[in-house]
Amino acid sequence: MKEMPDERQNHDLIAFFDSTNNVKFTPLSYEWGPLNTPSAEEKVTFIQGLKTISGHGNPAAKEGLAMHQYSANASMTNQAIVNNDGDFLVIPQKGRLDIQTESGRIMVRPGELFVIQAGLRFSVYLPDGESQGYVQEIFGGHYELPDLGPLGSNCLAHPRDFEFPIASFDLDTSQWEIIIKLGGEFYHYEQSHTPFDVVSWHGNYVPYKYEISKLVALVCSTKEQLDPSAYCILTAKSKIPGVSLTDFCAFTPKWLTATNSIRPPVSIDISVTLRMSLTDKIKYYHRTMATEMMGLIFGKYGGSAKILEAGGLTCDSSYVAHGESYEAWKAMTTDVQEPVFVGEGTISFMFHMSSHLGVTKFAMNHPNPHPPRAGFWDNLKGDFMNHVDVVNKKLEAAGRPPLGKGKN
C-alpha cells in the first residue's frame, strides 16, 4: 500500500476542520446551486466527484461530521473504496447509484437514502451515465433511529421499511485497485481478485437504504408548528449526553391542520419547517442553536427567503437569525386556516446539526453560488405595536398600569 499520487488525490475533500485547513467558521447564511456535471472528457467517479462544503471536528478525534455535494459521470471499474474516516449517508438527487458492497448489491434511486459504515469496501456504478446529490459523513458514531418515547411505535421511519443487500459474490480474479480514505487523503493498493467475494454475512454492521416517502411525519397538530424532530428519519449521537450530532429530517407531502396559529398560506409550499409560534417576539424570524442545512431532491421549494433548487444546498449557521419574509408572515397571519394538502411532488430535507460548521474554501468559491440578497429584511416590522391599545384596555380592566407607564 502507498499514498496515492498528488494528481489523483481529491483536494476538495476535507476531513480536518480548522482554520489551518482552508476552512472558515462564519456567522453567516449560505446558498449554493448544484454542482456542474463533469464533461464527457473528464470521467469523474463518485469518490472523485465529492466536494466538501462544510463540517467540524475530525476523524482522529472520532467526533464531528462533514457535508459534501457530489457530481459524477463515470462508474468505478475494477476499483473499490473503503472509508476509514466515518460513515457515509448518501442522497442521490439525479441518477441512480448501483452500489456493490461486501454484503451484496443495492440500487439507490433519487428519493432514497443510503448508509454505508466505515471500513466497508464498496464500488459505485452509474447506470444512468451520471449522478449528483449529497453526502453527509460522520466521524466516530453511527446513524440510528431516533428514540420515540411517548410517541409509541407507529410513526417516523419504521424499521421494517429499511432495506439491506442480499449476500452475493463474484468469481473474478482480475486486477483490482482498492482505495482507502483516511484523514481525507487517499491511499491505494492492488490485488489480483475482486473484494466482493464474500459468500455470506451475518450481524447488523451492514449497509442499508430507505425510501424517504415512507416517512410517517408528525404534522397533524391543532396549533403551532412542530420542530424538525417531527420529521426525523435518522439521528447520530454526539459525545454530549442528550444532544445529537446530527438529525436527518425529510419534508414530504403533508396536511396542514393547525388553526389559530401562524402557518404558511396555501400559496407557500412548506418543504422547510417553520418553527414560528404566537408567543415569539418576532414571529417571522427566529434563531436556533443548531446549524441547519437544507437540500431539495425533487419538486419545488416554496419558501420565501431562500433560493433552493434541486441539487442545491443552503446553510443557516447556529444562532444566526433566519426565517421567512415579512410579506410571507403577513400572509400567514391573515389567510383563512382550513386544512390543506401541501408539498405534492416535492421531497426536501434538512440536516439539523448541533455544532458550528466551518465552510470550506471550495464552498466559498462554489461554481454556482447564490449571493446574499442585501436589504431583504429591511422592511421587518414589530406587529405587537399594532395592538398596544387593545392590550392597554385589558391591562386597565385588570387593574394593571398600561404599557409605557410605570414598571411592566
Protein backbone atom coordinates (compact mmCIF):
# COMPACT_ATOMS: atom_id res chain seq x y z
CA MET A 1 0.00 0.00 0.00
CA LYS A 2 1.14 3.53 -0.71
CA GLU A 3 -0.15 7.07 -0.75
CA MET A 4 -1.99 7.94 -3.93
CA PRO A 5 -0.11 10.36 -6.24
CA ASP A 6 -0.99 14.00 -5.75
CA GLU A 7 -2.61 14.30 -9.17
CA ARG A 8 -5.10 11.57 -8.20
CA GLN A 9 -5.92 12.98 -4.77
CA ASN A 10 -9.26 14.76 -4.27
CA HIS A 11 -8.06 18.08 -2.84
CA ASP A 12 -11.65 19.29 -2.39
CA LEU A 13 -12.35 16.50 0.11
CA ILE A 14 -11.76 17.72 3.68
CA ALA A 15 -11.70 15.71 6.92
CA PHE A 16 -10.00 18.08 9.40
CA PHE A 17 -11.94 21.26 10.09
CA ASP A 18 -9.80 24.05 11.50
CA SER A 19 -8.54 27.43 10.34
CA THR A 20 -5.30 25.94 9.02
CA ASN A 21 -7.07 23.67 6.54
CA ASN A 22 -8.82 26.19 4.24
CA VAL A 23 -11.90 26.19 6.50
CA LYS A 24 -13.57 29.28 7.92
CA PHE A 25 -16.19 29.49 10.67
CA THR A 26 -18.56 32.39 9.99
CA PRO A 27 -21.87 33.66 11.49
CA LEU A 28 -23.49 33.77 8.04
CA SER A 29 -26.07 32.02 5.91
CA TYR A 30 -25.22 30.49 2.53
CA GLU A 31 -26.99 29.22 -0.57
CA TRP A 32 -25.43 27.10 -3.30
CA GLY A 33 -26.76 25.61 -6.51
CA PRO A 34 -25.99 22.06 -7.67
CA LEU A 35 -22.52 21.12 -8.84
CA ASN A 36 -21.80 21.20 -12.56
CA THR A 37 -21.91 17.89 -14.40
CA PRO A 38 -18.38 16.85 -15.43
CA SER A 39 -17.67 16.96 -19.14
CA ALA A 40 -17.53 13.70 -21.08
CA GLU A 41 -13.74 14.03 -21.29
CA GLU A 42 -13.26 14.28 -17.52
CA LYS A 43 -14.63 10.86 -16.43
CA VAL A 44 -15.22 11.60 -12.74
CA THR A 45 -16.17 8.74 -10.40
CA PHE A 46 -18.28 9.06 -7.26
CA ILE A 47 -15.30 9.36 -4.90
CA GLN A 48 -13.52 11.84 -7.18
CA GLY A 49 -16.70 13.90 -7.51
CA LEU A 50 -17.11 14.53 -3.77
CA LYS A 51 -16.73 18.20 -2.80
CA THR A 52 -16.72 19.13 0.89
CA ILE A 53 -18.96 22.11 1.70
CA SER A 54 -18.70 22.33 5.48
CA GLY A 55 -18.09 20.41 8.69
CA HIS A 56 -16.49 20.34 12.11
CA GLY A 57 -14.24 18.06 14.13
CA ASN A 58 -12.09 15.34 12.58
CA PRO A 59 -11.92 11.54 12.31
CA ALA A 60 -8.83 11.27 14.52
CA ALA A 61 -10.84 12.63 17.45
CA LYS A 62 -13.80 10.41 16.49
CA GLU A 63 -16.09 13.43 16.71
CA GLY A 64 -17.68 15.68 14.11
CA LEU A 65 -19.01 15.45 10.59
CA ALA A 66 -18.63 16.68 7.04
CA MET A 67 -21.18 17.80 4.45
CA HIS A 68 -20.46 17.09 0.78
CA GLN A 69 -22.06 17.53 -2.60
CA TYR A 70 -21.13 15.15 -5.39
CA SER A 71 -21.34 15.05 -9.18
CA ALA A 72 -20.04 12.10 -11.19
CA ASN A 73 -20.24 10.69 -14.70
CA ALA A 74 -18.13 7.52 -14.56
CA SER A 75 -18.51 4.14 -12.84
CA MET A 76 -15.78 2.71 -10.64
CA THR A 77 -14.46 -0.09 -12.87
CA ASN A 78 -12.28 -2.67 -11.09
CA GLN A 79 -11.94 -0.16 -8.29
CA ALA A 80 -13.33 -0.10 -4.75
CA ILE A 81 -13.22 2.48 -1.96
CA VAL A 82 -13.16 1.98 1.80
CA ASN A 83 -13.78 5.00 4.01
CA ASN A 84 -11.82 4.63 7.26
CA ASP A 85 -12.83 8.13 8.38
CA GLY A 86 -16.51 7.52 9.08
CA ASP A 87 -19.97 6.53 7.88
CA PHE A 88 -21.48 7.90 4.66
CA LEU A 89 -25.15 8.88 4.31
CA VAL A 90 -25.71 9.26 0.56
CA ILE A 91 -28.73 11.02 -1.01
CA PRO A 92 -28.80 10.87 -4.81
CA GLN A 93 -30.72 13.76 -6.38
CA LYS A 94 -30.21 12.86 -10.04
CA GLY A 95 -29.28 9.47 -11.46
CA ARG A 96 -29.35 6.07 -9.80
CA LEU A 97 -26.42 4.59 -7.87
CA ASP A 98 -25.80 0.88 -8.34
CA ILE A 99 -23.67 0.18 -5.26
CA GLN A 100 -21.77 -3.06 -4.80
CA THR A 101 -20.68 -3.77 -1.24
CA GLU A 102 -19.05 -6.65 0.58
CA SER A 103 -22.56 -7.54 1.80
CA GLY A 104 -24.12 -7.53 -1.68
CA ARG A 105 -25.52 -5.09 -4.24
CA ILE A 106 -28.12 -2.40 -3.69
CA MET A 107 -29.71 0.05 -6.16
CA VAL A 108 -30.28 3.54 -4.74
CA ARG A 109 -32.67 5.87 -6.57
CA PRO A 110 -33.38 9.59 -6.16
CA GLY A 111 -35.85 9.83 -3.30
CA GLU A 112 -33.95 7.20 -1.29
CA LEU A 113 -31.07 7.42 1.16
CA PHE A 114 -28.19 5.00 1.56
CA VAL A 115 -25.89 4.45 4.55
CA ILE A 116 -22.60 2.57 4.47
CA GLN A 117 -20.49 2.24 7.59
CA ALA A 118 -16.78 2.93 7.98
CA GLY A 119 -14.39 0.16 6.99
CA LEU A 120 -16.63 -1.49 4.37
CA ARG A 121 -15.47 -1.72 0.77
CA PHE A 122 -17.84 -0.58 -1.96
CA SER A 123 -17.97 0.45 -5.61
CA VAL A 124 -20.41 2.88 -7.22
CA TYR A 125 -21.73 2.31 -10.74
CA LEU A 126 -23.82 4.84 -12.65
CA PRO A 127 -26.48 3.04 -14.72
CA ASP A 128 -27.88 6.39 -15.94
CA GLY A 129 -24.47 7.69 -17.03
CA GLU A 130 -24.25 10.48 -14.47
CA SER A 131 -25.41 11.26 -10.95
CA GLN A 132 -25.35 14.10 -8.47
CA GLY A 133 -26.52 14.55 -4.91
CA TYR A 134 -25.48 14.91 -1.31
CA VAL A 135 -23.37 13.06 1.26
CA GLN A 136 -23.09 13.52 5.00
CA GLU A 137 -20.14 11.86 6.69
CA ILE A 138 -19.99 11.32 10.45
CA PHE A 139 -16.79 10.59 12.37
CA GLY A 140 -16.90 8.09 15.22
CA GLY A 141 -20.59 7.38 15.73
CA HIS A 142 -23.24 5.67 13.64
CA TYR A 143 -26.69 6.57 12.35
CA GLU A 144 -29.63 5.10 14.22
CA LEU A 145 -33.38 5.52 14.55
CA PRO A 146 -34.46 8.30 16.92
CA ASP A 147 -35.92 7.38 20.30
CA LEU A 148 -39.71 7.68 20.04
CA GLY A 149 -40.51 7.88 23.78
CA PRO A 150 -44.22 8.59 24.40
CA LEU A 151 -44.86 8.72 20.64
CA GLY A 152 -45.07 4.94 20.60
CA SER A 153 -44.02 2.68 17.75
CA ASN A 154 -46.07 3.76 14.74
CA CYS A 155 -44.52 6.97 13.46
CA LEU A 156 -41.48 8.45 11.72
CA ALA A 157 -39.36 5.79 9.95
CA HIS A 158 -40.48 2.20 10.54
CA PRO A 159 -37.62 -0.32 10.95
CA ARG A 160 -39.42 -2.67 8.54
CA ASP A 161 -39.04 -0.15 5.69
CA PHE A 162 -35.22 -0.20 5.69
CA GLU A 163 -33.74 -2.46 3.02
CA PHE A 164 -30.48 -4.41 3.16
CA PRO A 165 -28.47 -6.07 0.41
CA ILE A 166 -28.74 -9.80 -0.16
CA ALA A 167 -25.41 -11.59 0.09
CA SER A 168 -23.80 -12.20 -3.30
CA PHE A 169 -20.29 -12.77 -4.53
CA ASP A 170 -18.29 -12.56 -7.76
CA LEU A 171 -15.80 -15.05 -9.18
CA ASP A 172 -13.31 -12.54 -10.50
CA THR A 173 -9.53 -12.88 -10.49
CA SER A 174 -8.79 -9.74 -12.48
CA GLN A 175 -6.67 -6.88 -11.14
CA TRP A 176 -8.45 -4.50 -8.73
CA GLU A 177 -7.44 -1.20 -7.14
CA ILE A 178 -8.53 -0.65 -3.54
CA ILE A 179 -8.63 2.99 -2.40
CA ILE A 180 -8.55 3.80 1.32
CA LYS A 181 -9.72 7.20 2.56
CA LEU A 182 -8.05 8.16 5.81
CA GLY A 183 -7.75 11.68 7.18
CA GLY A 184 -9.34 12.92 3.96
CA GLU A 185 -6.45 11.57 1.88
CA PHE A 186 -6.29 8.56 -0.44
CA TYR A 187 -4.05 5.53 -0.17
CA HIS A 188 -4.22 2.59 -2.54
CA TYR A 189 -3.02 -0.89 -3.36
CA GLU A 190 -3.74 -3.53 -5.99
CA GLN A 191 -4.91 -7.10 -5.60
CA SER A 192 -5.49 -9.93 -8.05
CA HIS A 193 -9.12 -10.63 -7.18
CA THR A 194 -12.34 -8.76 -6.54
CA PRO A 195 -13.01 -7.53 -2.97
CA PHE A 196 -16.63 -8.62 -3.47
CA ASP A 197 -16.05 -12.34 -2.96
CA VAL A 198 -17.80 -12.55 0.42
CA VAL A 199 -20.01 -15.64 0.26
CA SER A 200 -22.23 -14.78 3.24
CA TRP A 201 -22.53 -12.35 6.14
CA HIS A 202 -24.32 -12.02 9.47
CA GLY A 203 -24.78 -9.31 12.08
CA ASN A 204 -26.04 -5.73 11.85
CA TYR A 205 -22.96 -3.84 10.62
CA VAL A 206 -24.38 -3.73 7.12
CA PRO A 207 -25.25 -1.05 4.52
CA TYR A 208 -28.91 -0.16 4.07
CA LYS A 209 -31.27 2.13 2.19
CA TYR A 210 -34.64 3.79 2.91
CA GLU A 211 -37.32 5.26 0.66
CA ILE A 212 -37.92 8.75 2.09
CA SER A 213 -41.57 8.97 1.01
CA LYS A 214 -42.40 6.21 3.54
CA LEU A 215 -41.77 8.60 6.43
CA VAL A 216 -44.73 8.93 8.81
CA ALA A 217 -44.26 12.54 9.89
CA LEU A 218 -45.95 14.07 12.94
CA VAL A 219 -47.58 17.09 11.34
CA CYS A 220 -51.33 16.94 12.05
CA SER A 221 -51.41 19.30 15.04
CA THR A 222 -54.23 21.62 16.06
CA LYS A 223 -51.93 24.55 16.75
CA GLU A 224 -48.33 25.73 16.45
CA GLN A 225 -45.62 24.34 14.16
CA LEU A 226 -43.59 21.29 15.14
CA ASP A 227 -39.81 21.11 15.46
CA PRO A 228 -37.66 19.28 12.86
CA SER A 229 -37.62 16.21 15.12
CA ALA A 230 -41.17 15.61 13.90
CA TYR A 231 -39.62 14.76 10.52
CA CYS A 232 -36.54 12.85 11.75
CA ILE A 233 -35.57 9.64 9.93
CA LEU A 234 -32.07 9.03 11.31
CA THR A 235 -30.00 10.54 14.10
CA ALA A 236 -26.43 10.17 15.34
CA LYS A 237 -25.38 10.82 18.93
CA SER A 238 -22.69 13.27 19.96
CA LYS A 239 -20.41 12.93 22.96
CA ILE A 240 -22.72 15.29 24.90
CA PRO A 241 -25.49 13.28 26.62
CA GLY A 242 -28.91 14.13 25.24
CA VAL A 243 -27.56 16.13 22.29
CA SER A 244 -27.43 14.63 18.81
CA LEU A 245 -24.51 15.14 16.49
CA THR A 246 -26.91 15.33 13.56
CA ASP A 247 -30.54 14.62 12.71
CA PHE A 248 -31.61 13.81 9.16
CA CYS A 249 -35.12 15.21 8.68
CA ALA A 250 -37.17 14.93 5.50
CA PHE A 251 -40.13 17.00 4.32
CA THR A 252 -42.64 15.08 2.26
CA PRO A 253 -46.20 15.91 1.13
CA LYS A 254 -48.38 16.60 4.16
CA TRP A 255 -51.60 18.03 5.51
CA LEU A 256 -51.51 21.32 7.41
CA THR A 257 -54.22 21.37 10.05
CA ALA A 258 -53.16 23.90 12.69
CA THR A 259 -55.69 26.67 13.36
CA ASN A 260 -55.38 30.00 15.18
CA SER A 261 -51.63 29.67 14.65
CA ILE A 262 -49.03 31.01 12.29
CA ARG A 263 -48.62 28.67 9.38
CA PRO A 264 -47.72 29.23 5.76
CA PRO A 265 -50.62 30.03 3.44
CA VAL A 266 -51.69 27.73 0.63
CA SER A 267 -49.55 29.68 -1.83
CA ILE A 268 -46.35 28.80 0.06
CA ASP A 269 -45.30 25.15 -0.01
CA ILE A 270 -43.52 24.43 3.26
CA SER A 271 -40.93 21.91 2.38
CA VAL A 272 -38.97 23.82 5.02
CA THR A 273 -40.03 23.60 8.67
CA LEU A 274 -41.16 26.93 10.13
CA ARG A 275 -40.88 26.97 13.89
CA MET A 276 -42.87 30.14 14.48
CA SER A 277 -45.29 30.37 17.39
CA LEU A 278 -47.72 33.04 18.52
CA THR A 279 -45.54 33.71 21.53
CA ASP A 280 -42.46 34.65 19.51
CA LYS A 281 -41.43 38.26 19.87
CA ILE A 282 -40.82 38.38 16.12
CA LYS A 283 -42.98 35.64 14.68
CA TYR A 284 -41.47 35.50 11.21
CA TYR A 285 -37.82 35.40 12.32
CA HIS A 286 -36.02 33.01 14.63
CA ARG A 287 -32.67 31.68 15.80
CA THR A 288 -31.66 28.12 16.60
CA MET A 289 -28.76 26.58 18.48
CA ALA A 290 -28.32 24.09 15.65
CA THR A 291 -26.87 24.63 12.21
CA GLU A 292 -29.45 23.81 9.54
CA MET A 293 -28.53 22.67 6.04
CA MET A 294 -31.31 22.05 3.52
CA GLY A 295 -31.37 20.27 0.19
CA LEU A 296 -34.04 19.58 -2.42
CA ILE A 297 -34.29 16.18 -4.11
CA PHE A 298 -37.13 17.00 -6.47
CA GLY A 299 -40.12 19.31 -6.73
CA LYS A 300 -40.27 23.00 -5.92
CA TYR A 301 -39.08 24.79 -2.81
CA GLY A 302 -41.82 27.17 -1.71
CA GLY A 303 -40.11 29.24 0.98
CA SER A 304 -39.83 32.99 0.52
CA ALA A 305 -36.37 33.70 1.93
CA LYS A 306 -34.07 31.22 0.18
CA ILE A 307 -33.11 30.14 -3.30
CA LEU A 308 -33.08 26.35 -3.21
CA GLU A 309 -33.13 24.34 -6.41
CA ALA A 310 -32.93 20.59 -6.89
CA GLY A 311 -29.37 19.52 -6.11
CA GLY A 312 -28.64 22.80 -4.32
CA LEU A 313 -27.87 23.36 -0.66
CA THR A 314 -28.49 26.08 1.92
CA CYS A 315 -26.87 26.69 5.31
CA ASP A 316 -28.16 28.69 8.28
CA SER A 317 -25.34 28.71 10.83
CA SER A 318 -26.03 28.18 14.51
CA TYR A 319 -27.51 31.17 16.36
CA VAL A 320 -27.86 33.13 13.10
CA ALA A 321 -31.30 34.69 12.68
CA HIS A 322 -33.29 33.46 9.69
CA GLY A 323 -36.87 32.89 8.62
CA GLU A 324 -39.49 33.84 6.08
CA SER A 325 -40.01 37.27 4.54
CA TYR A 326 -42.24 39.93 6.08
CA GLU A 327 -44.68 39.50 3.18
CA ALA A 328 -44.92 35.76 3.84
CA TRP A 329 -45.52 36.38 7.53
CA LYS A 330 -48.36 38.79 6.76
CA ALA A 331 -49.97 36.14 4.59
CA MET A 332 -49.51 33.52 7.33
CA THR A 333 -51.40 35.69 9.82
CA THR A 334 -54.28 36.72 7.57
CA ASP A 335 -55.16 33.72 5.37
CA VAL A 336 -58.17 31.57 6.25
CA GLN A 337 -56.83 28.49 8.02
CA GLU A 338 -58.54 25.44 6.60
CA PRO A 339 -56.88 22.01 6.34
CA VAL A 340 -54.73 22.00 3.20
CA PHE A 341 -52.50 19.43 1.49
CA VAL A 342 -49.08 20.87 0.57
CA GLY A 343 -45.81 19.72 -0.94
CA GLU A 344 -47.23 17.38 -3.56
CA GLY A 345 -44.44 16.16 -5.84
CA THR A 346 -41.74 17.55 -3.55
CA ILE A 347 -39.18 15.94 -1.25
CA SER A 348 -36.66 18.11 0.55
CA PHE A 349 -34.58 17.51 3.64
CA MET A 350 -32.71 19.18 6.47
CA PHE A 351 -29.58 18.14 8.33
CA HIS A 352 -30.05 19.52 11.85
CA MET A 353 -26.55 19.65 13.41
CA SER A 354 -25.75 20.69 16.96
CA SER A 355 -22.39 22.44 16.37
CA HIS A 356 -20.90 25.33 14.45
CA LEU A 357 -19.84 24.34 10.96
CA GLY A 358 -16.75 25.56 9.16
CA VAL A 359 -17.22 26.43 5.49
CA THR A 360 -14.55 25.17 3.11
CA LYS A 361 -12.56 27.11 0.55
CA PHE A 362 -14.37 25.18 -2.17
CA ALA A 363 -17.75 26.31 -0.83
CA MET A 364 -16.54 29.91 -0.58
CA ASN A 365 -15.67 29.70 -4.27
CA HIS A 366 -18.55 27.43 -5.27
CA PRO A 367 -19.19 27.26 -9.04
CA ASN A 368 -22.90 28.05 -8.56
CA PRO A 369 -23.35 30.34 -5.53
CA HIS A 370 -26.45 32.37 -4.74
CA PRO A 371 -25.19 35.65 -3.26
CA PRO A 372 -26.94 37.22 -0.25
CA ARG A 373 -29.86 39.50 -1.08
CA ALA A 374 -28.98 42.83 0.54
CA GLY A 375 -31.90 44.56 2.23
CA PHE A 376 -34.18 41.51 2.11
CA TRP A 377 -35.40 42.00 5.69
CA ASP A 378 -35.17 45.80 5.86
CA ASN A 379 -38.97 46.09 5.96
CA LEU A 380 -39.41 43.90 9.06
CA LYS A 381 -41.92 45.39 11.49
CA GLY A 382 -42.87 44.52 15.06
CA ASP A 383 -46.55 43.58 14.83
CA PHE A 384 -47.06 43.79 18.59
CA MET A 385 -47.10 47.61 18.49
CA ASN A 386 -50.24 47.50 16.35
CA HIS A 387 -52.14 46.01 19.30
CA VAL A 388 -50.99 48.24 22.18
CA ASP A 389 -54.41 49.91 22.54
CA VAL A 390 -56.17 46.56 22.91
CA VAL A 391 -53.55 45.32 25.38
CA ASN A 392 -53.80 48.50 27.47
CA LYS A 393 -57.58 48.16 27.76
CA LYS A 394 -57.17 44.64 29.09
CA LEU A 395 -54.43 45.74 31.49
CA GLU A 396 -56.56 48.60 32.83
CA ALA A 397 -59.54 46.24 33.27
CA ALA A 398 -57.28 44.02 35.34
CA GLY A 399 -56.11 46.93 37.48
CA ARG A 400 -52.64 46.96 35.98
CA PRO A 401 -50.80 50.01 34.62
CA PRO A 402 -50.87 50.37 30.82
CA LEU A 403 -47.81 49.77 28.72
CA GLY A 404 -45.43 52.71 28.66
CA LYS A 405 -46.30 53.83 32.19
CA GLY A 406 -44.61 52.52 35.30
CA LYS A 407 -42.99 49.11 35.50
CA ASN A 408 -44.45 46.48 33.16
